Amino acid sequence: MKKFFLFCLSLLIIYTMAYDLKIGTLKPLQAKTKMAPKNSQEKIFYQRVKVKAGDTVLSVVEQLHQKSAPRSMAKLIRDFRLLNNIHPEDIQIGHVYKFPIYPDKK
C-alpha cells in the first residue's frame, strides 16, 4: 500500500510539473503601453522630486500633499505614467520624476 501511495504521489507531482511548464499557472505579463488622457484638454499639475531610498509614488504624493492621497490609486498611477512615461514600480533612486499635484476640491 505504501508503494502504491508513493507511486500515485509521484504521478501527481510529475503531472503538476508538466502542466505548469506547458500551460503555466501564472497570468502572462501584459505589455507595457502608454496611457493617453481620457480628455486631451485635461491638465495635470506636477512637482519635480528627486527620489530617495524607500520612496514610492504614493509616499511622495502624500508628502507633497501633507495628508493621505487625495485621489484614487488608479488615477494617481495613471497620472504618474502620463507625466513620466514610466511605470511607478520602475522608479529609481536618485532620478527626478514629475509627481502629480491635485488641487483641493472645493
N, C-alpha and C. Protein backbone atom coordinates (compact mmCIF):
# COMPACT_ATOMS: atom_id res chain seq x y z
N MET A 1 0.82 -1.19 0.00
CA MET A 1 0.00 0.00 0.00
C MET A 1 0.87 1.27 0.00
N LYS A 2 1.97 1.19 0.71
CA LYS A 2 2.87 2.32 0.80
C LYS A 2 3.48 2.63 -0.57
N LYS A 3 3.86 1.59 -1.31
CA LYS A 3 4.43 1.78 -2.65
C LYS A 3 3.41 2.38 -3.60
N PHE A 4 2.16 1.96 -3.49
CA PHE A 4 1.09 2.49 -4.35
C PHE A 4 0.87 3.97 -4.06
N PHE A 5 0.86 4.36 -2.80
CA PHE A 5 0.71 5.75 -2.41
C PHE A 5 1.86 6.60 -2.96
N LEU A 6 3.10 6.12 -2.83
CA LEU A 6 4.25 6.85 -3.35
C LEU A 6 4.19 6.96 -4.88
N PHE A 7 3.74 5.89 -5.53
CA PHE A 7 3.60 5.90 -6.99
C PHE A 7 2.58 6.97 -7.41
N CYS A 8 1.42 7.00 -6.74
CA CYS A 8 0.38 7.99 -7.06
C CYS A 8 0.87 9.41 -6.78
N LEU A 9 1.58 9.58 -5.67
CA LEU A 9 2.12 10.90 -5.33
C LEU A 9 3.13 11.36 -6.38
N SER A 10 3.99 10.47 -6.82
CA SER A 10 4.98 10.85 -7.84
C SER A 10 4.30 11.19 -9.16
N LEU A 11 3.23 10.44 -9.52
CA LEU A 11 2.48 10.77 -10.74
C LEU A 11 1.84 12.15 -10.64
N LEU A 12 1.30 12.45 -9.48
CA LEU A 12 0.69 13.76 -9.27
C LEU A 12 1.72 14.88 -9.39
N ILE A 13 2.88 14.68 -8.81
CA ILE A 13 3.94 15.69 -8.89
C ILE A 13 4.41 15.88 -10.33
N ILE A 14 4.60 14.79 -11.04
CA ILE A 14 5.05 14.87 -12.44
C ILE A 14 3.98 15.57 -13.28
N TYR A 15 2.71 15.24 -13.04
CA TYR A 15 1.64 15.88 -13.79
C TYR A 15 1.60 17.38 -13.53
N THR A 16 1.70 17.79 -12.27
CA THR A 16 1.64 19.23 -11.97
C THR A 16 2.84 19.97 -12.54
N MET A 17 4.00 19.34 -12.52
CA MET A 17 5.19 20.00 -13.10
C MET A 17 5.02 20.14 -14.60
N ALA A 18 4.53 19.10 -15.28
CA ALA A 18 4.34 19.16 -16.73
C ALA A 18 3.28 20.20 -17.08
N TYR A 19 2.20 20.25 -16.31
CA TYR A 19 1.14 21.23 -16.54
C TYR A 19 1.68 22.64 -16.37
N ASP A 20 2.45 22.86 -15.33
CA ASP A 20 3.00 24.18 -15.05
C ASP A 20 3.97 24.61 -16.15
N LEU A 21 4.79 23.70 -16.62
CA LEU A 21 5.75 24.05 -17.67
C LEU A 21 5.08 24.25 -19.02
N LYS A 22 4.04 23.45 -19.32
CA LYS A 22 3.40 23.54 -20.62
C LYS A 22 2.39 24.68 -20.69
N ILE A 23 1.50 24.76 -19.72
CA ILE A 23 0.42 25.75 -19.75
C ILE A 23 0.71 26.91 -18.82
N GLY A 24 1.25 26.62 -17.66
CA GLY A 24 1.56 27.66 -16.70
C GLY A 24 0.39 27.95 -15.78
N THR A 25 0.72 28.45 -14.61
CA THR A 25 -0.33 28.79 -13.65
C THR A 25 -0.39 30.28 -13.38
N LEU A 26 0.59 31.02 -13.85
CA LEU A 26 0.60 32.47 -13.65
C LEU A 26 0.04 33.17 -14.87
N LYS A 27 -0.56 34.32 -14.63
CA LYS A 27 -1.06 35.12 -15.74
C LYS A 27 0.14 35.69 -16.49
N PRO A 28 0.08 35.72 -17.82
CA PRO A 28 1.20 36.30 -18.57
C PRO A 28 1.29 37.80 -18.32
N LEU A 29 2.51 38.32 -18.37
CA LEU A 29 2.71 39.76 -18.19
C LEU A 29 2.10 40.49 -19.37
N GLN A 30 1.41 41.58 -19.06
CA GLN A 30 0.83 42.38 -20.12
C GLN A 30 1.88 43.35 -20.62
N ALA A 31 1.84 43.61 -21.89
CA ALA A 31 2.80 44.55 -22.47
C ALA A 31 2.58 45.93 -21.88
N LYS A 32 3.66 46.61 -21.61
CA LYS A 32 3.57 47.95 -21.05
C LYS A 32 3.21 48.91 -22.19
N THR A 33 2.13 49.60 -22.01
CA THR A 33 1.69 50.53 -23.04
C THR A 33 1.55 51.92 -22.44
N LYS A 34 1.67 52.90 -23.31
CA LYS A 34 1.47 54.27 -22.88
C LYS A 34 -0.01 54.51 -22.68
N MET A 35 -0.33 55.27 -21.68
CA MET A 35 -1.72 55.61 -21.44
C MET A 35 -1.94 57.05 -21.87
N ALA A 36 -3.00 57.27 -22.60
CA ALA A 36 -3.34 58.62 -23.03
C ALA A 36 -4.43 59.16 -22.13
N PRO A 37 -4.44 60.46 -21.89
CA PRO A 37 -5.50 61.01 -21.06
C PRO A 37 -6.86 60.85 -21.74
N LYS A 38 -7.89 60.63 -20.94
CA LYS A 38 -9.23 60.48 -21.49
C LYS A 38 -9.67 61.78 -22.16
N ASN A 39 -9.30 62.87 -21.55
CA ASN A 39 -9.67 64.18 -22.08
C ASN A 39 -8.37 64.89 -22.45
N SER A 40 -8.17 65.16 -23.72
CA SER A 40 -6.91 65.76 -24.15
C SER A 40 -6.72 67.17 -23.57
N GLN A 41 -7.80 67.79 -23.11
CA GLN A 41 -7.71 69.12 -22.52
C GLN A 41 -7.34 69.06 -21.04
N GLU A 42 -7.32 67.86 -20.49
CA GLU A 42 -7.04 67.70 -19.06
C GLU A 42 -5.59 68.11 -18.77
N LYS A 43 -5.42 68.95 -17.77
CA LYS A 43 -4.08 69.39 -17.37
C LYS A 43 -3.75 68.74 -16.04
N ILE A 44 -2.54 68.23 -15.96
CA ILE A 44 -2.09 67.60 -14.73
C ILE A 44 -0.99 68.48 -14.15
N PHE A 45 -1.22 69.00 -12.98
CA PHE A 45 -0.21 69.80 -12.31
C PHE A 45 0.76 68.85 -11.63
N TYR A 46 2.03 69.25 -11.61
CA TYR A 46 3.03 68.34 -11.04
C TYR A 46 4.15 69.11 -10.36
N GLN A 47 4.92 68.38 -9.60
CA GLN A 47 6.12 68.92 -8.97
C GLN A 47 7.23 67.91 -9.19
N ARG A 48 8.40 68.40 -9.56
CA ARG A 48 9.55 67.51 -9.76
C ARG A 48 10.17 67.18 -8.40
N VAL A 49 10.44 65.89 -8.20
CA VAL A 49 11.02 65.43 -6.94
C VAL A 49 12.10 64.40 -7.25
N LYS A 50 13.24 64.52 -6.54
CA LYS A 50 14.30 63.54 -6.65
C LYS A 50 13.99 62.39 -5.68
N VAL A 51 13.95 61.18 -6.20
CA VAL A 51 13.56 60.01 -5.41
C VAL A 51 14.71 59.58 -4.50
N LYS A 52 14.37 59.33 -3.23
CA LYS A 52 15.34 58.84 -2.25
C LYS A 52 15.04 57.37 -1.97
N ALA A 53 15.94 56.71 -1.28
CA ALA A 53 15.75 55.31 -0.91
C ALA A 53 14.48 55.17 -0.08
N GLY A 54 13.66 54.20 -0.41
CA GLY A 54 12.43 53.94 0.34
C GLY A 54 11.23 54.70 -0.17
N ASP A 55 11.41 55.63 -1.10
CA ASP A 55 10.29 56.39 -1.64
C ASP A 55 9.47 55.54 -2.60
N THR A 56 8.17 55.73 -2.55
CA THR A 56 7.26 55.18 -3.53
C THR A 56 6.45 56.34 -4.09
N VAL A 57 5.76 56.10 -5.18
CA VAL A 57 4.94 57.17 -5.76
C VAL A 57 3.91 57.63 -4.74
N LEU A 58 3.28 56.69 -4.07
CA LEU A 58 2.27 57.05 -3.08
C LEU A 58 2.87 57.85 -1.93
N SER A 59 4.02 57.42 -1.41
CA SER A 59 4.60 58.13 -0.27
C SER A 59 5.02 59.55 -0.66
N VAL A 60 5.55 59.73 -1.86
CA VAL A 60 5.96 61.08 -2.29
C VAL A 60 4.74 61.98 -2.46
N VAL A 61 3.68 61.46 -3.08
CA VAL A 61 2.47 62.27 -3.27
C VAL A 61 1.87 62.64 -1.92
N GLU A 62 1.87 61.70 -0.98
CA GLU A 62 1.35 62.01 0.36
C GLU A 62 2.21 63.05 1.05
N GLN A 63 3.53 63.02 0.85
CA GLN A 63 4.40 64.04 1.43
C GLN A 63 4.13 65.40 0.80
N LEU A 64 3.92 65.43 -0.50
CA LEU A 64 3.65 66.70 -1.18
C LEU A 64 2.33 67.32 -0.72
N HIS A 65 1.35 66.49 -0.46
CA HIS A 65 0.04 67.00 -0.03
C HIS A 65 -0.07 67.09 1.48
N GLN A 66 0.89 66.54 2.20
CA GLN A 66 0.91 66.53 3.66
C GLN A 66 -0.35 65.89 4.24
N LYS A 67 -0.86 64.88 3.54
CA LYS A 67 -2.01 64.09 4.00
C LYS A 67 -2.08 62.84 3.13
N SER A 68 -3.09 62.01 3.37
CA SER A 68 -3.23 60.80 2.55
C SER A 68 -3.55 61.19 1.11
N ALA A 69 -3.38 60.23 0.22
CA ALA A 69 -3.56 60.50 -1.21
C ALA A 69 -4.93 61.11 -1.47
N PRO A 70 -4.97 62.27 -2.16
CA PRO A 70 -6.24 62.96 -2.38
C PRO A 70 -7.08 62.36 -3.50
N ARG A 71 -6.54 61.44 -4.27
CA ARG A 71 -7.28 60.79 -5.37
C ARG A 71 -7.11 59.29 -5.25
N SER A 72 -7.82 58.56 -6.08
CA SER A 72 -7.74 57.10 -6.05
C SER A 72 -6.36 56.66 -6.56
N MET A 73 -5.98 55.46 -6.16
CA MET A 73 -4.70 54.91 -6.60
C MET A 73 -4.66 54.78 -8.11
N ALA A 74 -5.77 54.38 -8.72
CA ALA A 74 -5.80 54.21 -10.18
C ALA A 74 -5.50 55.54 -10.88
N LYS A 75 -6.11 56.63 -10.40
CA LYS A 75 -5.87 57.95 -11.02
C LYS A 75 -4.44 58.39 -10.76
N LEU A 76 -3.94 58.16 -9.57
CA LEU A 76 -2.58 58.53 -9.22
C LEU A 76 -1.57 57.82 -10.13
N ILE A 77 -1.76 56.53 -10.32
CA ILE A 77 -0.86 55.75 -11.18
C ILE A 77 -0.97 56.21 -12.63
N ARG A 78 -2.20 56.43 -13.09
CA ARG A 78 -2.40 56.88 -14.48
C ARG A 78 -1.72 58.22 -14.72
N ASP A 79 -1.90 59.16 -13.79
CA ASP A 79 -1.29 60.48 -13.95
C ASP A 79 0.23 60.40 -13.90
N PHE A 80 0.77 59.59 -12.99
CA PHE A 80 2.22 59.44 -12.91
C PHE A 80 2.77 58.88 -14.22
N ARG A 81 2.10 57.87 -14.76
CA ARG A 81 2.55 57.28 -16.03
C ARG A 81 2.47 58.28 -17.18
N LEU A 82 1.44 59.10 -17.19
CA LEU A 82 1.31 60.10 -18.26
C LEU A 82 2.40 61.17 -18.16
N LEU A 83 2.73 61.57 -16.95
CA LEU A 83 3.74 62.61 -16.76
C LEU A 83 5.15 62.12 -17.06
N ASN A 84 5.46 60.87 -16.74
CA ASN A 84 6.83 60.39 -16.82
C ASN A 84 7.07 59.32 -17.88
N ASN A 85 6.00 58.79 -18.45
CA ASN A 85 6.11 57.71 -19.43
C ASN A 85 6.89 56.53 -18.84
N ILE A 86 6.61 56.22 -17.58
CA ILE A 86 7.26 55.12 -16.87
C ILE A 86 6.27 54.55 -15.86
N HIS A 87 6.37 53.28 -15.60
CA HIS A 87 5.51 52.65 -14.60
C HIS A 87 6.01 53.02 -13.20
N PRO A 88 5.10 53.22 -12.26
CA PRO A 88 5.50 53.61 -10.90
C PRO A 88 6.47 52.63 -10.25
N GLU A 89 6.35 51.33 -10.54
CA GLU A 89 7.25 50.36 -9.92
C GLU A 89 8.66 50.39 -10.52
N ASP A 90 8.86 51.17 -11.57
CA ASP A 90 10.17 51.24 -12.21
C ASP A 90 10.98 52.48 -11.81
N ILE A 91 10.51 53.25 -10.81
CA ILE A 91 11.27 54.43 -10.42
C ILE A 91 12.60 54.01 -9.79
N GLN A 92 13.60 54.86 -9.95
CA GLN A 92 14.94 54.55 -9.46
C GLN A 92 15.43 55.65 -8.53
N ILE A 93 16.18 55.22 -7.53
CA ILE A 93 16.74 56.15 -6.55
C ILE A 93 17.66 57.14 -7.26
N GLY A 94 17.55 58.41 -6.89
CA GLY A 94 18.43 59.44 -7.44
C GLY A 94 17.91 60.11 -8.70
N HIS A 95 16.90 59.56 -9.33
CA HIS A 95 16.34 60.18 -10.52
C HIS A 95 15.24 61.16 -10.14
N VAL A 96 15.01 62.14 -11.00
CA VAL A 96 13.98 63.15 -10.76
C VAL A 96 12.76 62.80 -11.61
N TYR A 97 11.60 62.77 -10.97
CA TYR A 97 10.35 62.46 -11.66
C TYR A 97 9.32 63.54 -11.37
N LYS A 98 8.32 63.61 -12.24
CA LYS A 98 7.20 64.53 -12.05
C LYS A 98 6.12 63.78 -11.28
N PHE A 99 5.73 64.32 -10.12
CA PHE A 99 4.68 63.72 -9.31
C PHE A 99 3.45 64.61 -9.38
N PRO A 100 2.28 64.00 -9.61
CA PRO A 100 1.06 64.82 -9.77
C PRO A 100 0.68 65.54 -8.47
N ILE A 101 0.23 66.77 -8.66
CA ILE A 101 -0.28 67.59 -7.56
C ILE A 101 -1.76 67.83 -7.86
N TYR A 102 -2.59 67.59 -6.85
CA TYR A 102 -4.03 67.75 -7.03
C TYR A 102 -4.51 68.92 -6.19
N PRO A 103 -5.18 69.88 -6.83
CA PRO A 103 -5.74 70.99 -6.04
C PRO A 103 -6.85 70.47 -5.14
N ASP A 104 -7.05 71.13 -4.03
CA ASP A 104 -8.11 70.73 -3.10
C ASP A 104 -9.47 70.91 -3.77
N LYS A 105 -10.33 69.92 -3.53
CA LYS A 105 -11.69 70.02 -4.06
C LYS A 105 -12.46 71.01 -3.20
N LYS A 106 -13.22 71.85 -3.84
CA LYS A 106 -13.98 72.86 -3.09
C LYS A 106 -15.45 72.64 -3.25
